[in-house]
Amino acid sequence: MEPSKATVHAELTASAEAARGAQNRSRLVRAGGAIVLLLVVVFAINAFSGGSFLTAGNLTNVLRQITYNAILAIGQTFVIITAGIDLSVGSLIELTGVVMASFANAMHFDGPMLVVATLLVGVGVGCLAGLINALPVVTLNLPPFITTLAMMLMARGLAFKIAHGQPIPLNSSAFNSTGTGFIFTGLRASTGFPGIPIPVVWLAVMVIVFAILLTRTRFGRYVFAIGGNEEAARLAGINVKFVKAMVYVISGGCAAIASLLLMAKFASGSPNTGIGNELQSIAAVVVGGTSLAGGRGSVVTTFFGALLIGLLNNVMNLLNIESYTQDIVLGAVILIAVVFDELRKRYLTK
């Protein structure tokens, strides 16, 4: 006999409350461990590079470089915690980029209002694509790998058709500060610090907002519950279909925001911008400690995962290591992260 919804909900709530303290402590330990690891890596990198790494200009450049992948990885984190995956985010960067560039060029107004309107259009397209990704998953129980792979191909093809295979240059200069501007530039003369790139400010805001959404809201608890045990979540009365659909919508929206920043940086929307970014975002999530099996993850540690990958890429560039070797190193880092996660589940959580 199937237990009543109230009974299952009470049991799930009690177990969740009992585990929440342990989860919070585990999250703090992982974040602390990530910080320590990053510090070790940073000082080791600085030693290997002869002191050229720990400069204000280079560190600012690293933060700017990881911004776009980290924003993609934030949305990917929500998807992977539910035991899904989104292979379409790279193509959605391209599709939303050319759509936003076309929209901005067609408008007869300028300034901040144009930036806001363009962002809303891009986020709308990205969220719609995310919803299309989700519908076959939640209604037909199709594998997310297949549905998002299909979207990846469709979005990339549509981006090329809209742009006729060429980047679409922006006619407006309203996006310049969004893509290449800095804040706190007054410190440059006295300290040599160039200021904080505006895209990094966008990233910081998104990390804070989505970390709160994931850890301090009912929706975030539902995301973890579905990733941990989808059937138990359904029996507890959670609207599993809605929550799973929303994580793909979030992923599509994050892709659109990353696309806006890239479009502003290059002053054009290109159908080639996001090639390979879907794999980079998954790598950042995995290196950040989110389990591919679902049920465990963190936006903050995803940021550290993206930062670690950015640091490795930066030092390999400083040491003039060719791109093929860089791919080998990145693949090895991902493999080590996955193996460590499996060993942790087998031997450290019993």
Foldseek 3Di string as FASTA:
>chain_A
DDDALVVLLVVVVVVCVVCVVVQVVVVVVLLVVLVVVVVVLQVVLCVVLVNPCPDLVNVLVLLLVLLLLLLLLLLQLLLLQLLAGALQLLLLLQLLLLVLQVVLQPDPDDAPVSLVVSLVSSLVVLLVLLLQLQVCCLPVVDHSVVSNVVNNVVSLVVSCVSVVQFWRAHPYLNLQQLQANFPPCVCCVPPVNRHHRNSSVVSVVVQVVSQCVLSPDPLNVLSLVSLVPVVSSVSNPHPSSVSSSVSSSSSSSSSSVSSSNVCSNVRTRGSPRRVPSSVSSVQLFLLLPRASSHNDGGSSSSSSSSSVLSSLVSSCVSVVPDPVVNVVVSVVSSVVSNVVNVCCVVPVPD
